[in-house]
Amino acid sequence: MQFETRSGLPVEVRAADGGAIVVEGYAAVFNEPTDIGGIFTEVIAPGAFRSALSRGDDVEFLINHGGLPLARSTAGNLTLEEDSHGLKIRAELDPNDPDVQRIVPKMRGKMLDQMSFAFRALDQEWETPADGPDVRTIKDVALFDVSIVNRGAYPTTEIALRSRDDVKAERERIAKLEREAKRACIAARKAKQEQAFRRINKDA
């Protein structure tokens, strides 16, 4: 399945009562323009995760978007919440899990210290300012995973660029239809005027 990833937000790692390892942070923040590879600017609109959370999307907590899950929303040890700031996550990791034991020192040592999320845009808008790069506003997503990552990059994705090109193509198609409809309307009006003129001359 094709999806996009965005990352770059710091996380907090701590021990909780009962021995669990808790990872908390924001996988995304709202209304913060982000440069995507120097090609376009992206903004996540408030409410972008509302439907995903209402649907109960099965979201996994992974390392670098791969491998076996360390926590999972359907298992109850990964919770996601949309607040006024963005998408907040809390993962409770099993301290006896060998994979958790392997990464916790790296998280505490700031070698794995960024939060990322994988998504597919379900509703988005593209704008082309008079100056500057295109602006993509993400309004609704399907969520696949949230990950702890070692590189806080915002890679440009072919999926996003194809989406942008599709929107531009649709706008051009609509603009062409509007131009053709306008020309047809003008031609019809001219034909009607010509017919009226001929009737006047005939009756004269």
C-alpha atoms as a PDB file:
ATOM      1  CA  MET A   1       0.000   0.000   0.000  1.00  0.00           C
ATOM      2  CA  GLN A   2       1.323   3.433  -0.926  1.00  0.00           C
ATOM      3  CA  PHE A   3       1.508   6.082   1.766  1.00  0.00           C
ATOM      4  CA  GLU A   4       3.417   9.198   2.701  1.00  0.00           C
ATOM      5  CA  THR A   5       5.498   9.822   5.790  1.00  0.00           C
ATOM      6  CA  ARG A   6       6.186  13.041   7.675  1.00  0.00           C
ATOM      7  CA  SER A   7       8.526  13.410  10.601  1.00  0.00           C
ATOM      8  CA  GLY A   8      10.592  15.737  12.687  1.00  0.00           C
ATOM      9  CA  LEU A   9       8.894  16.208  16.061  1.00  0.00           C
ATOM     10  CA  PRO A  10      10.677  15.324  19.327  1.00  0.00           C
ATOM     11  CA  VAL A  11       9.316  12.737  21.762  1.00  0.00           C
ATOM     12  CA  GLU A  12       9.540  12.119  25.486  1.00  0.00           C
ATOM     13  CA  VAL A  13      10.586   8.705  26.801  1.00  0.00           C
ATOM     14  CA  ARG A  14      10.088   7.791  30.450  1.00  0.00           C
ATOM     15  CA  ALA A  15       9.334   4.898  32.775  1.00  0.00           C
ATOM     16  CA  ALA A  16       5.784   4.601  34.075  1.00  0.00           C
ATOM     17  CA  ASP A  17       4.279   2.940  37.125  1.00  0.00           C
ATOM     18  CA  GLY A  18       4.262  -0.808  36.615  1.00  0.00           C
ATOM     19  CA  GLY A  19       7.502  -0.752  34.623  1.00  0.00           C
ATOM     20  CA  ALA A  20       6.131   0.170  31.203  1.00  0.00           C
ATOM     21  CA  ILE A  21       8.182   2.425  28.948  1.00  0.00           C
ATOM     22  CA  VAL A  22       6.051   5.385  27.866  1.00  0.00           C
ATOM     23  CA  VAL A  23       6.678   7.321  24.675  1.00  0.00           C
ATOM     24  CA  GLU A  24       4.697  10.546  24.293  1.00  0.00           C
ATOM     25  CA  GLY A  25       4.731  13.361  21.810  1.00  0.00           C
ATOM     26  CA  TYR A  26       3.080  14.906  18.784  1.00  0.00           C
ATOM     27  CA  ALA A  27       3.231  13.059  15.496  1.00  0.00           C
ATOM     28  CA  ALA A  28       1.885  16.162  13.716  1.00  0.00           C
ATOM     29  CA  VAL A  29       1.024  19.764  14.500  1.00  0.00           C
ATOM     30  CA  PHE A  30      -1.622  21.949  12.913  1.00  0.00           C
ATOM     31  CA  ASN A  31      -1.264  25.149  10.896  1.00  0.00           C
ATOM     32  CA  GLU A  32       2.514  24.966  10.717  1.00  0.00           C
ATOM     33  CA  PRO A  33       3.777  25.558   7.156  1.00  0.00           C
ATOM     34  CA  THR A  34       6.470  23.014   6.339  1.00  0.00           C
ATOM     35  CA  ASP A  35       8.798  23.076   3.368  1.00  0.00           C
ATOM     36  CA  ILE A  36       8.628  19.732   1.553  1.00  0.00           C
ATOM     37  CA  GLY A  37      11.849  19.246  -0.355  1.00  0.00           C
ATOM     38  CA  GLY A  38      11.865  22.816  -1.630  1.00  0.00           C
ATOM     39  CA  ILE A  39       9.053  21.907  -4.031  1.00  0.00           C
ATOM     40  CA  PHE A  40       5.897  22.745  -2.099  1.00  0.00           C
ATOM     41  CA  THR A  41       4.711  23.910   1.317  1.00  0.00           C
ATOM     42  CA  GLU A  42       2.459  21.707   3.393  1.00  0.00           C
ATOM     43  CA  VAL A  43      -0.006  22.595   6.139  1.00  0.00           C
ATOM     44  CA  ILE A  44      -2.037  20.139   8.206  1.00  0.00           C
ATOM     45  CA  ALA A  45      -5.453  21.587   8.981  1.00  0.00           C
ATOM     46  CA  PRO A  46      -7.142  21.148  12.369  1.00  0.00           C
ATOM     47  CA  GLY A  47      -9.486  18.185  12.190  1.00  0.00           C
ATOM     48  CA  ALA A  48      -7.331  16.283   9.684  1.00  0.00           C
ATOM     49  CA  PHE A  49      -7.188  13.244  11.971  1.00  0.00           C
ATOM     50  CA  ARG A  50     -10.735  13.389  13.310  1.00  0.00           C
ATOM     51  CA  SER A  51     -12.281  10.876  10.931  1.00  0.00           C
ATOM     52  CA  ALA A  52      -9.321   8.472  11.241  1.00  0.00           C
ATOM     53  CA  LEU A  53      -9.739   8.420  15.002  1.00  0.00           C
ATOM     54  CA  SER A  54     -13.517   8.099  14.732  1.00  0.00           C
ATOM     55  CA  ARG A  55     -13.154   5.203  12.300  1.00  0.00           C
ATOM     56  CA  GLY A  56     -10.665   3.542  14.603  1.00  0.00           C
ATOM     57  CA  ASP A  57      -7.918   3.195  11.996  1.00  0.00           C
ATOM     58  CA  ASP A  58      -5.600   0.344  12.990  1.00  0.00           C
ATOM     59  CA  VAL A  59      -2.404   2.279  13.765  1.00  0.00           C
ATOM     60  CA  GLU A  60       0.897   0.625  14.690  1.00  0.00           C
ATOM     61  CA  PHE A  61       3.853   2.042  16.598  1.00  0.00           C
ATOM     62  CA  LEU A  62       6.986   1.148  14.615  1.00  0.00           C
ATOM     63  CA  ILE A  63      10.676   1.912  14.279  1.00  0.00           C
ATOM     64  CA  ASN A  64      11.409   3.854  11.092  1.00  0.00           C
ATOM     65  CA  HIS A  65       8.052   2.727   9.656  1.00  0.00           C
ATOM     66  CA  GLY A  66       9.110  -0.912   9.531  1.00  0.00           C
ATOM     67  CA  GLY A  67       9.443  -4.178  11.408  1.00  0.00           C
ATOM     68  CA  LEU A  68       7.128  -5.687  14.009  1.00  0.00           C
ATOM     69  CA  PRO A  69       4.871  -3.316  15.983  1.00  0.00           C
ATOM     70  CA  LEU A  70       5.948  -2.305  19.474  1.00  0.00           C
ATOM     71  CA  ALA A  71       2.423  -1.101  20.266  1.00  0.00           C
ATOM     72  CA  ARG A  72      -0.869  -0.899  18.411  1.00  0.00           C
ATOM     73  CA  SER A  73      -4.055   1.094  18.738  1.00  0.00           C
ATOM     74  CA  THR A  74      -6.226  -2.010  18.461  1.00  0.00           C
ATOM     75  CA  ALA A  75      -4.205  -3.643  21.259  1.00  0.00           C
ATOM     76  CA  GLY A  76      -4.921  -0.732  23.597  1.00  0.00           C
ATOM     77  CA  ASN A  77      -1.281   0.167  24.271  1.00  0.00           C
ATOM     78  CA  LEU A  78      -1.183   2.966  21.686  1.00  0.00           C
ATOM     79  CA  THR A  79      -3.537   5.916  22.104  1.00  0.00           C
ATOM     80  CA  LEU A  80      -3.963   8.779  19.691  1.00  0.00           C
ATOM     81  CA  GLU A  81      -5.725  12.043  20.394  1.00  0.00           C
ATOM     82  CA  GLU A  82      -6.342  15.113  18.309  1.00  0.00           C
ATOM     83  CA  ASP A  83      -6.227  18.321  20.341  1.00  0.00           C
ATOM     84  CA  SER A  84      -5.876  21.982  19.401  1.00  0.00           C
ATOM     85  CA  HIS A  85      -2.145  21.548  18.797  1.00  0.00           C
ATOM     86  CA  GLY A  86      -2.074  18.417  16.664  1.00  0.00           C
ATOM     87  CA  LEU A  87      -2.009  14.625  16.808  1.00  0.00           C
ATOM     88  CA  LYS A  88      -0.817  13.528  20.239  1.00  0.00           C
ATOM     89  CA  ILE A  89       0.342   9.959  20.762  1.00  0.00           C
ATOM     90  CA  ARG A  90       1.092   7.841  23.810  1.00  0.00           C
ATOM     91  CA  ALA A  91       2.634   4.378  23.463  1.00  0.00           C
ATOM     92  CA  GLU A  92       3.153   2.038  26.396  1.00  0.00           C
ATOM     93  CA  LEU A  93       5.971  -0.347  25.521  1.00  0.00           C
ATOM     94  CA  ASP A  94       6.630  -3.688  27.189  1.00  0.00           C
ATOM     95  CA  PRO A  95      10.027  -3.449  28.970  1.00  0.00           C
ATOM     96  CA  ASN A  96      10.448  -7.228  28.554  1.00  0.00           C
ATOM     97  CA  ASP A  97      10.133  -7.040  24.768  1.00  0.00           C
ATOM     98  CA  PRO A  98      13.642  -7.550  23.281  1.00  0.00           C
ATOM     99  CA  ASP A  99      12.889  -5.016  20.533  1.00  0.00           C
ATOM    100  CA  VAL A 100      11.953  -2.440  23.167  1.00  0.00           C
ATOM    101  CA  GLN A 101      15.084  -3.225  25.187  1.00  0.00           C
ATOM    102  CA  ARG A 102      17.117  -2.692  22.043  1.00  0.00           C
ATOM    103  CA  ILE A 103      15.766   0.751  21.179  1.00  0.00           C
ATOM    104  CA  VAL A 104      15.103   2.387  24.570  1.00  0.00           C
ATOM    105  CA  PRO A 105      18.812   3.253  25.130  1.00  0.00           C
ATOM    106  CA  LYS A 106      18.884   4.762  21.631  1.00  0.00           C
ATOM    107  CA  MET A 107      15.768   6.818  22.345  1.00  0.00           C
ATOM    108  CA  ARG A 108      17.164   8.058  25.641  1.00  0.00           C
ATOM    109  CA  GLY A 109      20.498   8.734  23.966  1.00  0.00           C
ATOM    110  CA  LYS A 110      18.723  10.916  21.343  1.00  0.00           C
ATOM    111  CA  MET A 111      19.714   8.619  18.486  1.00  0.00           C
ATOM    112  CA  LEU A 112      16.037   7.785  17.924  1.00  0.00           C
ATOM    113  CA  ASP A 113      14.351  10.984  18.996  1.00  0.00           C
ATOM    114  CA  GLN A 114      11.883  12.060  16.341  1.00  0.00           C
ATOM    115  CA  MET A 115       8.229  11.190  15.851  1.00  0.00           C
ATOM    116  CA  SER A 116       6.830  10.407  12.413  1.00  0.00           C
ATOM    117  CA  PHE A 117       3.515   9.280  10.982  1.00  0.00           C
ATOM    118  CA  ALA A 118       2.478   7.428   7.839  1.00  0.00           C
ATOM    119  CA  PHE A 119      -0.699   8.497   6.085  1.00  0.00           C
ATOM    120  CA  ARG A 120      -2.701   8.749   2.905  1.00  0.00           C
ATOM    121  CA  ALA A 121      -4.443  12.038   2.158  1.00  0.00           C
ATOM    122  CA  LEU A 122      -8.203  11.639   1.708  1.00  0.00           C
ATOM    123  CA  ASP A 123      -9.053  15.320   1.399  1.00  0.00           C
ATOM    124  CA  GLN A 124      -6.617  18.054   0.426  1.00  0.00           C
ATOM    125  CA  GLU A 125      -6.411  21.408  -1.315  1.00  0.00           C
ATOM    126  CA  TRP A 126      -3.673  22.792  -3.517  1.00  0.00           C
ATOM    127  CA  GLU A 127      -3.094  26.502  -4.042  1.00  0.00           C
ATOM    128  CA  THR A 128      -0.661  28.206  -6.368  1.00  0.00           C
ATOM    129  CA  PRO A 129       0.386  31.599  -4.938  1.00  0.00           C
ATOM    130  CA  ALA A 130       1.473  34.418  -7.216  1.00  0.00           C
ATOM    131  CA  ASP A 131       4.973  34.004  -5.814  1.00  0.00           C
ATOM    132  CA  GLY A 132       6.427  31.088  -3.934  1.00  0.00           C
ATOM    133  CA  PRO A 133       5.850  27.347  -4.080  1.00  0.00           C
ATOM    134  CA  ASP A 134       2.502  25.559  -4.231  1.00  0.00           C
ATOM    135  CA  VAL A 135       0.724  25.141  -0.892  1.00  0.00           C
ATOM    136  CA  ARG A 136      -0.875  21.829   0.043  1.00  0.00           C
ATOM    137  CA  THR A 137      -3.432  21.822   2.869  1.00  0.00           C
ATOM    138  CA  ILE A 138      -4.221  18.367   4.246  1.00  0.00           C
ATOM    139  CA  LYS A 139      -7.787  18.170   5.601  1.00  0.00           C
ATOM    140  CA  ASP A 140      -8.410  14.464   6.122  1.00  0.00           C
ATOM    141  CA  VAL A 141      -6.179  11.388   6.244  1.00  0.00           C
ATOM    142  CA  ALA A 142      -6.100   7.648   6.681  1.00  0.00           C
ATOM    143  CA  LEU A 143      -3.516   6.726   9.336  1.00  0.00           C
ATOM    144  CA  PHE A 144      -1.239   3.699   9.033  1.00  0.00           C
ATOM    145  CA  ASP A 145       1.465   4.050  11.674  1.00  0.00           C
ATOM    146  CA  VAL A 146       3.346   6.351  13.977  1.00  0.00           C
ATOM    147  CA  SER A 147       7.061   5.701  14.268  1.00  0.00           C
ATOM    148  CA  ILE A 148      10.112   6.623  16.239  1.00  0.00           C
ATOM    149  CA  VAL A 149      12.724   7.607  13.682  1.00  0.00           C
ATOM    150  CA  ASN A 150      16.367   8.627  13.558  1.00  0.00           C
ATOM    151  CA  ARG A 151      16.030  11.130  10.729  1.00  0.00           C
ATOM    152  CA  GLY A 152      13.670  14.032  11.140  1.00  0.00           C
ATOM    153  CA  ALA A 153      13.204  14.741   7.467  1.00  0.00           C
ATOM    154  CA  TYR A 154      10.169  15.723   5.432  1.00  0.00           C
ATOM    155  CA  PRO A 155      10.770  13.893   2.149  1.00  0.00           C
ATOM    156  CA  THR A 156       9.002  14.933  -1.032  1.00  0.00           C
ATOM    157  CA  THR A 157       6.806  12.088  -2.182  1.00  0.00           C
ATOM    158  CA  GLU A 158       5.721  11.077  -5.659  1.00  0.00           C
ATOM    159  CA  ILE A 159       2.221  10.495  -4.287  1.00  0.00           C
ATOM    160  CA  ALA A 160       1.900  14.122  -3.189  1.00  0.00           C
ATOM    161  CA  LEU A 161       3.295  15.425  -6.465  1.00  0.00           C
ATOM    162  CA  ARG A 162       0.928  13.227  -8.473  1.00  0.00           C
ATOM    163  CA  SER A 163      -1.917  14.560  -6.336  1.00  0.00           C
ATOM    164  CA  ARG A 164      -0.835  18.115  -7.062  1.00  0.00           C
ATOM    165  CA  ASP A 165      -0.610  17.406 -10.786  1.00  0.00           C
ATOM    166  CA  ASP A 166      -4.051  15.773 -10.765  1.00  0.00           C
ATOM    167  CA  VAL A 167      -5.554  18.841  -9.097  1.00  0.00           C
ATOM    168  CA  LYS A 168      -3.879  21.145 -11.620  1.00  0.00           C
ATOM    169  CA  ALA A 169      -5.089  18.992 -14.506  1.00  0.00           C
ATOM    170  CA  GLU A 170      -8.646  19.024 -13.131  1.00  0.00           C
ATOM    171  CA  ARG A 171      -8.542  22.799 -12.698  1.00  0.00           C
ATOM    172  CA  GLU A 172      -7.321  23.181 -16.272  1.00  0.00           C
ATOM    173  CA  ARG A 173     -10.070  20.846 -17.509  1.00  0.00           C
ATOM    174  CA  ILE A 174     -12.751  22.832 -15.661  1.00  0.00           C
ATOM    175  CA  ALA A 175     -11.301  26.128 -16.897  1.00  0.00           C
ATOM    176  CA  LYS A 176     -11.347  24.788 -20.481  1.00  0.00           C
ATOM    177  CA  LEU A 177     -14.973  23.701 -20.135  1.00  0.00           C
ATOM    178  CA  GLU A 178     -15.874  27.112 -18.744  1.00  0.00           C
ATOM    179  CA  ARG A 179     -14.117  28.841 -21.648  1.00  0.00           C
ATOM    180  CA  GLU A 180     -15.901  26.615 -24.147  1.00  0.00           C
ATOM    181  CA  ALA A 181     -19.250  27.234 -22.461  1.00  0.00           C
ATOM    182  CA  LYS A 182     -18.621  30.971 -22.511  1.00  0.00           C
ATOM    183  CA  ARG A 183     -17.728  30.884 -26.213  1.00  0.00           C
ATOM    184  CA  ALA A 184     -20.844  28.814 -26.931  1.00  0.00           C
ATOM    185  CA  CYS A 185     -22.989  31.296 -25.009  1.00  0.00           C
ATOM    186  CA  ILE A 186     -21.509  34.235 -26.918  1.00  0.00           C
ATOM    187  CA  ALA A 187     -22.006  32.418 -30.235  1.00  0.00           C
ATOM    188  CA  ALA A 188     -25.636  31.626 -29.349  1.00  0.00           C
ATOM    189  CA  ARG A 189     -26.268  35.248 -28.375  1.00  0.00           C
ATOM    190  CA  LYS A 190     -24.731  36.480 -31.629  1.00  0.00           C
ATOM    191  CA  ALA A 191     -26.811  34.001 -33.628  1.00  0.00           C
ATOM    192  CA  LYS A 192     -29.960  35.153 -31.865  1.00  0.00           C
ATOM    193  CA  GLN A 193     -29.105  38.790 -32.564  1.00  0.00           C
ATOM    194  CA  GLU A 194     -28.418  37.955 -36.207  1.00  0.00           C
ATOM    195  CA  GLN A 195     -31.786  36.223 -36.550  1.00  0.00           C
ATOM    196  CA  ALA A 196     -33.557  39.199 -34.993  1.00  0.00           C
ATOM    197  CA  PHE A 197     -31.709  41.580 -37.332  1.00  0.00           C
ATOM    198  CA  ARG A 198     -32.720  39.529 -40.371  1.00  0.00           C
ATOM    199  CA  ARG A 199     -36.373  39.520 -39.305  1.00  0.00           C
ATOM    200  CA  ILE A 200     -36.278  43.284 -38.911  1.00  0.00           C
ATOM    201  CA  ASN A 201     -34.794  43.724 -42.388  1.00  0.00           C
ATOM    202  CA  LYS A 202     -37.329  41.287 -43.867  1.00  0.00           C
ATOM    203  CA  ASP A 203     -40.281  43.091 -42.338  1.00  0.00           C
ATOM    204  CA  ALA A 204     -38.972  46.515 -43.365  1.00  0.00           C
END
